[in-house]
Every structure is written in C-alpha cells, then in structure tokens.
Amino acid sequence: MNIIKKYSSVDFNSLSVKENEEILNEMRKQVDKIDKQLVELLIRRTSFSLLIGRIKRALSLPTYSPERERDINKKIATYLKKPLNKISLARIYERILDQSRAIQREEALKGNIYNLDE
C-alpha cells in the first residue's frame, strides 16, 4: 500500500504518542531512502554536467548558458505535480544548476580532477 495514501487522511491528534512516534519513524525511514536515491541521481547528473563542461571547453563555450537554463526550467515545470509548487521547484533547480556550474569551473581550473569511471 502506498504509505502516503495510507496516512494522508489520518487525524494524528487522535492517535497515541506511541502510534505517532511509530508513524514518524516509518516516515523518516522512507525519507532516508528517498534522500539516498536523490544523492545517487545528483551524482549521476553531476557526472553528465562535468562531461558537458569538458565539451564546452573543447568548443570554447562559456560555462554559463542562460538560454539552456531557461529551457531546463521550462522543461522541469512540465514535470511538476502537487504538493511541490513551481517556485519551490525553481529554487531547488537554481541551486542544482548553480552547483553544476561551480563544479564545471572547479574542474576547468584544476584540470580533469574527477575520474568518472569510479
């Protein structure tokens, strides 16, 4: 059963402290699993970003591409579903893109510092 659906209509005020603590622990375990998946996806995305940075350098292109970032923001907005809202998603991606550029610049300054085969 989908754990979110299972608890979405529960009145937590009507439950005992023990019941709420058990549910809280169950929710936190699920969030921990999702966090692990997010980190794995961010690592994968960053690896692609590094390769893109290498290609940009080979083509003498700048790290920052406002047009590309606008395209990304338009595209991710089409994936949006509740309860996440457009502003929150844009802020999350703003940080992801900012850090992708920072890692690309770091690698450009130091040379190919990341072995993507590992």
N, C-alpha and C. Protein backbone atom coordinates (compact mmCIF):
# COMPACT_ATOMS: atom_id res chain seq x y z
N MET A 1 0.85 -1.19 0.00
CA MET A 1 0.00 0.00 0.00
C MET A 1 0.89 1.25 0.00
N ASN A 2 0.49 2.24 -0.74
CA ASN A 2 1.24 3.48 -0.77
C ASN A 2 1.18 4.13 0.61
N ILE A 3 2.33 4.30 1.20
CA ILE A 3 2.41 4.80 2.57
C ILE A 3 1.84 6.21 2.71
N ILE A 4 1.99 7.03 1.68
CA ILE A 4 1.45 8.38 1.74
C ILE A 4 -0.08 8.33 1.74
N LYS A 5 -0.65 7.53 0.86
CA LYS A 5 -2.12 7.39 0.85
C LYS A 5 -2.62 6.80 2.16
N LYS A 6 -1.86 5.85 2.68
CA LYS A 6 -2.25 5.19 3.92
C LYS A 6 -2.45 6.19 5.05
N TYR A 7 -1.59 7.21 5.10
CA TYR A 7 -1.62 8.15 6.22
C TYR A 7 -2.17 9.53 5.88
N SER A 8 -2.49 9.79 4.63
CA SER A 8 -2.88 11.15 4.25
C SER A 8 -4.16 11.64 4.90
N SER A 9 -5.05 10.75 5.25
CA SER A 9 -6.31 11.18 5.86
C SER A 9 -6.37 10.87 7.36
N VAL A 10 -5.27 10.49 7.94
CA VAL A 10 -5.24 10.16 9.36
C VAL A 10 -5.27 11.44 10.19
N ASP A 11 -6.05 11.43 11.24
CA ASP A 11 -6.04 12.53 12.21
C ASP A 11 -5.00 12.18 13.28
N PHE A 12 -3.83 12.73 13.15
CA PHE A 12 -2.73 12.39 14.05
C PHE A 12 -2.99 12.84 15.48
N ASN A 13 -3.86 13.82 15.65
CA ASN A 13 -4.21 14.27 17.00
C ASN A 13 -5.01 13.22 17.76
N SER A 14 -5.65 12.32 17.03
CA SER A 14 -6.46 11.29 17.68
C SER A 14 -5.64 10.04 18.03
N LEU A 15 -4.40 10.00 17.61
CA LEU A 15 -3.55 8.84 17.88
C LEU A 15 -2.77 9.03 19.16
N SER A 16 -2.32 7.93 19.70
CA SER A 16 -1.49 7.99 20.91
C SER A 16 -0.10 8.49 20.55
N VAL A 17 0.64 8.89 21.54
CA VAL A 17 2.02 9.33 21.34
C VAL A 17 2.83 8.21 20.71
N LYS A 18 2.64 7.00 21.21
CA LYS A 18 3.38 5.85 20.68
C LYS A 18 3.05 5.61 19.21
N GLU A 19 1.77 5.68 18.86
CA GLU A 19 1.37 5.49 17.46
C GLU A 19 1.98 6.56 16.56
N ASN A 20 1.92 7.80 17.01
CA ASN A 20 2.51 8.89 16.23
C ASN A 20 4.02 8.72 16.08
N GLU A 21 4.69 8.31 17.13
CA GLU A 21 6.14 8.09 17.07
C GLU A 21 6.48 6.97 16.09
N GLU A 22 5.69 5.91 16.08
CA GLU A 22 5.92 4.81 15.15
C GLU A 22 5.74 5.27 13.70
N ILE A 23 4.70 6.03 13.47
CA ILE A 23 4.45 6.55 12.12
C ILE A 23 5.56 7.52 11.73
N LEU A 24 5.95 8.37 12.65
CA LEU A 24 7.04 9.33 12.39
C LEU A 24 8.32 8.59 12.01
N ASN A 25 8.65 7.56 12.74
CA ASN A 25 9.85 6.77 12.42
C ASN A 25 9.74 6.10 11.06
N GLU A 26 8.55 5.60 10.75
CA GLU A 26 8.32 4.97 9.45
C GLU A 26 8.48 6.00 8.32
N MET A 27 7.93 7.19 8.52
CA MET A 27 8.05 8.26 7.52
C MET A 27 9.52 8.66 7.34
N ARG A 28 10.23 8.79 8.42
CA ARG A 28 11.65 9.18 8.34
C ARG A 28 12.47 8.13 7.62
N LYS A 29 12.17 6.86 7.82
CA LYS A 29 12.87 5.80 7.09
C LYS A 29 12.63 5.94 5.59
N GLN A 30 11.40 6.25 5.21
CA GLN A 30 11.08 6.44 3.79
C GLN A 30 11.82 7.65 3.22
N VAL A 31 11.85 8.74 3.99
CA VAL A 31 12.57 9.94 3.54
C VAL A 31 14.06 9.64 3.40
N ASP A 32 14.61 8.87 4.32
CA ASP A 32 16.02 8.49 4.22
C ASP A 32 16.30 7.71 2.94
N LYS A 33 15.40 6.81 2.58
CA LYS A 33 15.57 6.05 1.33
C LYS A 33 15.51 6.97 0.12
N ILE A 34 14.59 7.91 0.13
CA ILE A 34 14.47 8.87 -0.96
C ILE A 34 15.70 9.75 -1.04
N ASP A 35 16.21 10.19 0.12
CA ASP A 35 17.43 11.02 0.13
C ASP A 35 18.59 10.27 -0.51
N LYS A 36 18.71 8.99 -0.22
CA LYS A 36 19.79 8.19 -0.82
C LYS A 36 19.63 8.17 -2.34
N GLN A 37 18.39 7.97 -2.82
CA GLN A 37 18.14 7.96 -4.26
C GLN A 37 18.43 9.32 -4.89
N LEU A 38 18.06 10.39 -4.19
CA LEU A 38 18.32 11.74 -4.70
C LEU A 38 19.82 11.99 -4.84
N VAL A 39 20.59 11.59 -3.83
CA VAL A 39 22.03 11.78 -3.90
C VAL A 39 22.62 10.99 -5.06
N GLU A 40 22.16 9.76 -5.23
CA GLU A 40 22.65 8.94 -6.36
C GLU A 40 22.32 9.61 -7.69
N LEU A 41 21.12 10.16 -7.82
CA LEU A 41 20.74 10.85 -9.05
C LEU A 41 21.54 12.14 -9.24
N LEU A 42 21.79 12.85 -8.15
CA LEU A 42 22.59 14.08 -8.26
C LEU A 42 24.03 13.77 -8.67
N ILE A 43 24.57 12.68 -8.16
CA ILE A 43 25.92 12.26 -8.57
C ILE A 43 25.92 11.95 -10.06
N ARG A 44 24.92 11.24 -10.52
CA ARG A 44 24.83 10.90 -11.94
C ARG A 44 24.68 12.16 -12.79
N ARG A 45 23.82 13.07 -12.35
CA ARG A 45 23.61 14.32 -13.08
C ARG A 45 24.90 15.13 -13.12
N THR A 46 25.61 15.18 -12.00
CA THR A 46 26.86 15.93 -11.94
C THR A 46 27.90 15.33 -12.87
N SER A 47 27.93 14.02 -12.99
CA SER A 47 28.87 13.37 -13.90
C SER A 47 28.60 13.81 -15.34
N PHE A 48 27.33 13.84 -15.72
CA PHE A 48 26.99 14.34 -17.06
C PHE A 48 27.37 15.81 -17.20
N SER A 49 27.13 16.58 -16.16
CA SER A 49 27.46 18.01 -16.20
C SER A 49 28.96 18.22 -16.39
N LEU A 50 29.77 17.39 -15.73
CA LEU A 50 31.22 17.50 -15.90
C LEU A 50 31.63 17.20 -17.33
N LEU A 51 31.04 16.17 -17.91
CA LEU A 51 31.36 15.85 -19.31
C LEU A 51 30.91 16.98 -20.23
N ILE A 52 29.75 17.56 -19.95
CA ILE A 52 29.27 18.70 -20.72
C ILE A 52 30.25 19.85 -20.61
N GLY A 53 30.76 20.08 -19.39
CA GLY A 53 31.75 21.14 -19.19
C GLY A 53 33.02 20.91 -20.01
N ARG A 54 33.45 19.67 -20.09
CA ARG A 54 34.63 19.34 -20.89
C ARG A 54 34.38 19.63 -22.37
N ILE A 55 33.19 19.28 -22.84
CA ILE A 55 32.85 19.55 -24.24
C ILE A 55 32.77 21.05 -24.48
N LYS A 56 32.17 21.79 -23.54
CA LYS A 56 32.08 23.25 -23.68
C LYS A 56 33.48 23.86 -23.80
N ARG A 57 34.39 23.38 -22.97
CA ARG A 57 35.77 23.91 -23.05
C ARG A 57 36.39 23.59 -24.39
N ALA A 58 36.16 22.37 -24.89
CA ALA A 58 36.71 21.98 -26.20
C ALA A 58 36.14 22.86 -27.31
N LEU A 59 34.91 23.32 -27.12
CA LEU A 59 34.25 24.17 -28.12
C LEU A 59 34.41 25.66 -27.82
N SER A 60 35.19 25.98 -26.78
CA SER A 60 35.39 27.36 -26.33
C SER A 60 34.06 28.06 -26.01
N LEU A 61 33.16 27.31 -25.37
CA LEU A 61 31.88 27.86 -24.94
C LEU A 61 31.94 28.21 -23.46
N PRO A 62 31.17 29.21 -23.03
CA PRO A 62 31.16 29.56 -21.62
C PRO A 62 30.45 28.50 -20.78
N THR A 63 30.80 28.44 -19.50
CA THR A 63 30.15 27.52 -18.57
C THR A 63 28.68 27.87 -18.43
N TYR A 64 28.38 29.15 -18.29
CA TYR A 64 27.01 29.61 -18.07
C TYR A 64 26.29 29.81 -19.39
N SER A 65 25.14 29.18 -19.52
CA SER A 65 24.31 29.33 -20.71
C SER A 65 22.89 29.66 -20.27
N PRO A 66 22.56 30.96 -20.21
CA PRO A 66 21.22 31.34 -19.74
C PRO A 66 20.09 30.74 -20.56
N GLU A 67 20.31 30.60 -21.87
CA GLU A 67 19.28 30.01 -22.72
C GLU A 67 18.99 28.57 -22.32
N ARG A 68 20.05 27.81 -22.09
CA ARG A 68 19.91 26.40 -21.69
C ARG A 68 19.20 26.31 -20.34
N GLU A 69 19.57 27.19 -19.41
CA GLU A 69 18.94 27.14 -18.10
C GLU A 69 17.46 27.51 -18.17
N ARG A 70 17.11 28.44 -19.04
CA ARG A 70 15.69 28.76 -19.25
C ARG A 70 14.96 27.54 -19.81
N ASP A 71 15.60 26.85 -20.75
CA ASP A 71 14.99 25.64 -21.32
C ASP A 71 14.79 24.57 -20.24
N ILE A 72 15.79 24.40 -19.40
CA ILE A 72 15.68 23.42 -18.31
C ILE A 72 14.52 23.79 -17.40
N ASN A 73 14.42 25.05 -17.03
CA ASN A 73 13.35 25.48 -16.13
C ASN A 73 11.97 25.29 -16.75
N LYS A 74 11.84 25.55 -18.02
CA LYS A 74 10.56 25.33 -18.70
C LYS A 74 10.22 23.83 -18.70
N LYS A 75 11.23 23.02 -18.98
CA LYS A 75 11.01 21.58 -19.07
C LYS A 75 10.63 20.98 -17.71
N ILE A 76 11.36 21.36 -16.67
CA ILE A 76 11.06 20.78 -15.35
C ILE A 76 9.69 21.21 -14.85
N ALA A 77 9.26 22.40 -15.25
CA ALA A 77 7.93 22.88 -14.84
C ALA A 77 6.84 21.96 -15.38
N THR A 78 7.10 21.31 -16.51
CA THR A 78 6.10 20.40 -17.08
C THR A 78 6.01 19.09 -16.30
N TYR A 79 7.02 18.80 -15.48
CA TYR A 79 7.03 17.58 -14.66
C TYR A 79 6.35 17.79 -13.31
N LEU A 80 6.03 19.01 -13.00
CA LEU A 80 5.57 19.41 -11.68
C LEU A 80 4.22 18.79 -11.32
N LYS A 81 4.14 18.33 -10.08
CA LYS A 81 2.88 17.82 -9.50
C LYS A 81 2.83 18.27 -8.05
N LYS A 82 1.63 18.36 -7.53
CA LYS A 82 1.43 18.71 -6.12
C LYS A 82 1.98 17.59 -5.26
N PRO A 83 2.47 17.86 -4.10
CA PRO A 83 2.39 19.12 -3.36
C PRO A 83 3.53 20.10 -3.65
N LEU A 84 4.47 19.75 -4.52
CA LEU A 84 5.56 20.67 -4.85
C LEU A 84 5.00 21.79 -5.72
N ASN A 85 5.43 23.02 -5.44
CA ASN A 85 4.94 24.14 -6.26
C ASN A 85 6.05 24.66 -7.17
N LYS A 86 5.64 25.46 -8.14
CA LYS A 86 6.56 25.93 -9.18
C LYS A 86 7.72 26.74 -8.60
N ILE A 87 7.45 27.59 -7.64
CA ILE A 87 8.50 28.42 -7.04
C ILE A 87 9.52 27.55 -6.32
N SER A 88 9.03 26.59 -5.54
CA SER A 88 9.95 25.69 -4.82
C SER A 88 10.81 24.89 -5.78
N LEU A 89 10.19 24.35 -6.81
CA LEU A 89 10.95 23.56 -7.79
C LEU A 89 12.00 24.43 -8.47
N ALA A 90 11.64 25.65 -8.83
CA ALA A 90 12.59 26.56 -9.47
C ALA A 90 13.76 26.87 -8.54
N ARG A 91 13.49 27.06 -7.26
CA ARG A 91 14.57 27.33 -6.30
C ARG A 91 15.50 26.13 -6.12
N ILE A 92 14.91 24.95 -6.07
CA ILE A 92 15.73 23.74 -5.95
C ILE A 92 16.65 23.62 -7.16
N TYR A 93 16.09 23.80 -8.34
CA TYR A 93 16.89 23.68 -9.56
C TYR A 93 17.89 24.81 -9.71
N GLU A 94 17.56 25.97 -9.18
CA GLU A 94 18.52 27.08 -9.20
C GLU A 94 19.79 26.66 -8.48
N ARG A 95 19.64 26.00 -7.34
CA ARG A 95 20.81 25.53 -6.58
C ARG A 95 21.54 24.41 -7.32
N ILE A 96 20.78 23.48 -7.90
CA ILE A 96 21.40 22.38 -8.64
C ILE A 96 22.23 22.93 -9.80
N LEU A 97 21.65 23.84 -10.57
CA LEU A 97 22.35 24.40 -11.73
C LEU A 97 23.55 25.25 -11.30
N ASP A 98 23.38 26.01 -10.22
CA ASP A 98 24.47 26.82 -9.71
C ASP A 98 25.65 25.94 -9.30
N GLN A 99 25.36 24.85 -8.61
CA GLN A 99 26.44 23.96 -8.18
C GLN A 99 27.04 23.19 -9.35
N SER A 100 26.24 22.88 -10.35
CA SER A 100 26.78 22.23 -11.55
C SER A 100 27.80 23.14 -12.23
N ARG A 101 27.45 24.42 -12.35
CA ARG A 101 28.40 25.39 -12.94
C ARG A 101 29.66 25.50 -12.09
N ALA A 102 29.49 25.55 -10.78
CA ALA A 102 30.64 25.68 -9.88
C ALA A 102 31.58 24.48 -10.03
N ILE A 103 31.02 23.29 -10.12
CA ILE A 103 31.85 22.08 -10.27
C ILE A 103 32.52 22.07 -11.63
N GLN A 104 31.82 22.52 -12.67
CA GLN A 104 32.43 22.62 -14.00
C GLN A 104 33.61 23.61 -13.96
N ARG A 105 33.42 24.75 -13.31
CA ARG A 105 34.51 25.75 -13.22
C ARG A 105 35.69 25.22 -12.42
N GLU A 106 35.39 24.53 -11.32
CA GLU A 106 36.45 23.95 -10.49
C GLU A 106 37.29 22.97 -11.29
N GLU A 107 36.62 22.12 -12.04
CA GLU A 107 37.33 21.15 -12.85
C GLU A 107 38.16 21.86 -13.93
N ALA A 108 37.59 22.91 -14.52
CA ALA A 108 38.31 23.64 -15.57
C ALA A 108 39.58 24.28 -15.02
N LEU A 109 39.50 24.79 -13.80
CA LEU A 109 40.66 25.44 -13.19
C LEU A 109 41.74 24.44 -12.81
N LYS A 110 41.34 23.28 -12.32
CA LYS A 110 42.29 22.29 -11.81
C LYS A 110 42.65 21.23 -12.84
N GLY A 111 41.98 21.23 -13.96
CA GLY A 111 42.16 20.14 -14.93
C GLY A 111 41.16 19.05 -14.60
N ASN A 112 41.16 18.00 -15.35
CA ASN A 112 40.17 16.93 -15.16
C ASN A 112 40.39 16.23 -13.83
N ILE A 113 39.81 16.80 -12.78
CA ILE A 113 40.07 16.32 -11.42
C ILE A 113 39.19 15.15 -11.02
N TYR A 114 38.17 14.87 -11.78
CA TYR A 114 37.25 13.79 -11.42
C TYR A 114 37.38 12.64 -12.40
N ASN A 115 37.63 11.47 -11.86
CA ASN A 115 37.65 10.27 -12.68
C ASN A 115 36.23 9.71 -12.66
N LEU A 116 35.52 9.84 -13.75
CA LEU A 116 34.12 9.46 -13.79
C LEU A 116 33.92 7.97 -13.93
N ASP A 117 35.01 7.22 -14.01
CA ASP A 117 34.91 5.76 -14.11
C ASP A 117 34.70 5.11 -12.74
N GLU A 118 34.93 5.86 -11.69
CA GLU A 118 34.84 5.28 -10.34
C GLU A 118 33.43 5.20 -9.85
